[in-house]
Amino acid sequence: MKSFILEPKKALETCELVPQNQRHYCVEGLLSYMIVHYASIVSAENFCNESLKPIWSNICTKSLSEGARAYGE
């Protein structure tokens, strides 16, 4: 994920190559890395709203909630 931090759509393409039953781990990792890298939930929130399929909405909600607690947002 680190190598794709400036290209999160490429990271998501990589996640789509992971077996279906493990993809959520990859997407969670991507969102978590974005939150930590920018020390804010804003970039991850934008990515969720603009690029992620609706099937990932639960993971977005969970990751953003956890990030908001960690960064006081």
C-alpha atoms as a PDB file:
ATOM      1  CA  MET A   1       0.000   0.000   0.000  1.00  0.00           C
ATOM      2  CA  LYS A   2       2.819   2.390   0.773  1.00  0.00           C
ATOM      3  CA  SER A   3       4.028   2.367  -2.814  1.00  0.00           C
ATOM      4  CA  PHE A   4       0.541   3.346  -3.986  1.00  0.00           C
ATOM      5  CA  ILE A   5      -0.228   6.078  -1.448  1.00  0.00           C
ATOM      6  CA  LEU A   6      -0.333   8.709  -4.175  1.00  0.00           C
ATOM      7  CA  GLU A   7      -2.289   6.390  -6.470  1.00  0.00           C
ATOM      8  CA  PRO A   8      -4.948   4.757  -4.288  1.00  0.00           C
ATOM      9  CA  LYS A   9      -6.922   3.573  -7.313  1.00  0.00           C
ATOM     10  CA  LYS A  10      -3.941   1.397  -8.263  1.00  0.00           C
ATOM     11  CA  ALA A  11      -3.898  -0.016  -4.747  1.00  0.00           C
ATOM     12  CA  LEU A  12      -7.568  -0.819  -5.083  1.00  0.00           C
ATOM     13  CA  GLU A  13      -6.845  -2.629  -8.359  1.00  0.00           C
ATOM     14  CA  THR A  14      -4.333  -4.728  -6.435  1.00  0.00           C
ATOM     15  CA  CYS A  15      -6.946  -5.468  -3.778  1.00  0.00           C
ATOM     16  CA  GLU A  16      -9.250  -6.757  -6.499  1.00  0.00           C
ATOM     17  CA  LEU A  17      -6.656  -9.443  -7.316  1.00  0.00           C
ATOM     18  CA  VAL A  18      -6.827 -10.843  -3.789  1.00  0.00           C
ATOM     19  CA  PRO A  19      -9.184 -13.808  -3.240  1.00  0.00           C
ATOM     20  CA  GLN A  20     -12.738 -12.585  -2.683  1.00  0.00           C
ATOM     21  CA  ASN A  21     -12.934 -13.774   0.933  1.00  0.00           C
ATOM     22  CA  GLN A  22      -9.821 -11.755   1.850  1.00  0.00           C
ATOM     23  CA  ARG A  23     -10.382  -8.516  -0.078  1.00  0.00           C
ATOM     24  CA  HIS A  24     -11.852  -6.713   2.882  1.00  0.00           C
ATOM     25  CA  TYR A  25      -8.493  -6.984   4.652  1.00  0.00           C
ATOM     26  CA  CYS A  26      -6.794  -5.329   1.713  1.00  0.00           C
ATOM     27  CA  VAL A  27      -9.328  -2.485   1.520  1.00  0.00           C
ATOM     28  CA  GLU A  28      -9.161  -1.981   5.296  1.00  0.00           C
ATOM     29  CA  GLY A  29      -5.377  -1.809   5.052  1.00  0.00           C
ATOM     30  CA  LEU A  30      -5.532   0.714   2.246  1.00  0.00           C
ATOM     31  CA  LEU A  31      -7.893   2.990   4.178  1.00  0.00           C
ATOM     32  CA  SER A  32      -5.918   2.603   7.387  1.00  0.00           C
ATOM     33  CA  TYR A  33      -2.680   3.460   5.628  1.00  0.00           C
ATOM     34  CA  MET A  34      -4.254   6.549   4.057  1.00  0.00           C
ATOM     35  CA  ILE A  35      -5.508   7.726   7.443  1.00  0.00           C
ATOM     36  CA  VAL A  36      -2.153   7.186   9.147  1.00  0.00           C
ATOM     37  CA  HIS A  37      -0.099   8.627   6.280  1.00  0.00           C
ATOM     38  CA  TYR A  38      -2.071  11.874   6.192  1.00  0.00           C
ATOM     39  CA  ALA A  39      -2.869  11.867   9.946  1.00  0.00           C
ATOM     40  CA  SER A  40      -6.448  12.629   8.997  1.00  0.00           C
ATOM     41  CA  ILE A  41      -9.549  10.837   7.787  1.00  0.00           C
ATOM     42  CA  VAL A  42     -10.197  13.364   4.998  1.00  0.00           C
ATOM     43  CA  SER A  43      -8.262  11.589   2.232  1.00  0.00           C
ATOM     44  CA  ALA A  44      -9.753   8.205   3.113  1.00  0.00           C
ATOM     45  CA  GLU A  45     -13.229   9.715   3.316  1.00  0.00           C
ATOM     46  CA  ASN A  46     -12.829  11.295  -0.127  1.00  0.00           C
ATOM     47  CA  PHE A  47     -11.552   8.015  -1.524  1.00  0.00           C
ATOM     48  CA  CYS A  48     -14.531   6.152  -0.052  1.00  0.00           C
ATOM     49  CA  ASN A  49     -16.974   8.639  -1.534  1.00  0.00           C
ATOM     50  CA  GLU A  50     -15.353   8.929  -4.951  1.00  0.00           C
ATOM     51  CA  SER A  51     -13.730   5.608  -5.741  1.00  0.00           C
ATOM     52  CA  LEU A  52     -14.993   2.700  -3.687  1.00  0.00           C
ATOM     53  CA  LYS A  53     -17.891   0.530  -4.721  1.00  0.00           C
ATOM     54  CA  PRO A  54     -20.955   0.551  -2.459  1.00  0.00           C
ATOM     55  CA  ILE A  55     -20.095  -2.968  -1.267  1.00  0.00           C
ATOM     56  CA  TRP A  56     -17.242  -1.414   0.735  1.00  0.00           C
ATOM     57  CA  SER A  57     -19.423   1.125   2.547  1.00  0.00           C
ATOM     58  CA  ASN A  58     -19.353  -0.850   5.827  1.00  0.00           C
ATOM     59  CA  ILE A  59     -15.557  -0.989   5.755  1.00  0.00           C
ATOM     60  CA  CYS A  60     -15.416   2.741   4.986  1.00  0.00           C
ATOM     61  CA  THR A  61     -17.714   3.542   7.881  1.00  0.00           C
ATOM     62  CA  LYS A  62     -15.693   1.371  10.260  1.00  0.00           C
ATOM     63  CA  SER A  63     -12.305   2.702   9.135  1.00  0.00           C
ATOM     64  CA  LEU A  64     -13.397   6.340   9.198  1.00  0.00           C
ATOM     65  CA  SER A  65     -14.955   5.938  12.640  1.00  0.00           C
ATOM     66  CA  GLU A  66     -11.791   4.365  14.041  1.00  0.00           C
ATOM     67  CA  GLY A  67      -9.622   7.013  12.361  1.00  0.00           C
ATOM     68  CA  ALA A  68     -11.761   9.843  13.668  1.00  0.00           C
ATOM     69  CA  ARG A  69     -11.338   8.575  17.229  1.00  0.00           C
ATOM     70  CA  ALA A  70      -7.574   8.280  16.780  1.00  0.00           C
ATOM     71  CA  TYR A  71      -7.160  11.730  15.238  1.00  0.00           C
ATOM     72  CA  GLY A  72      -9.899  13.564  17.103  1.00  0.00           C
ATOM     73  CA  GLU A  73     -11.964  14.358  14.031  1.00  0.00           C
END
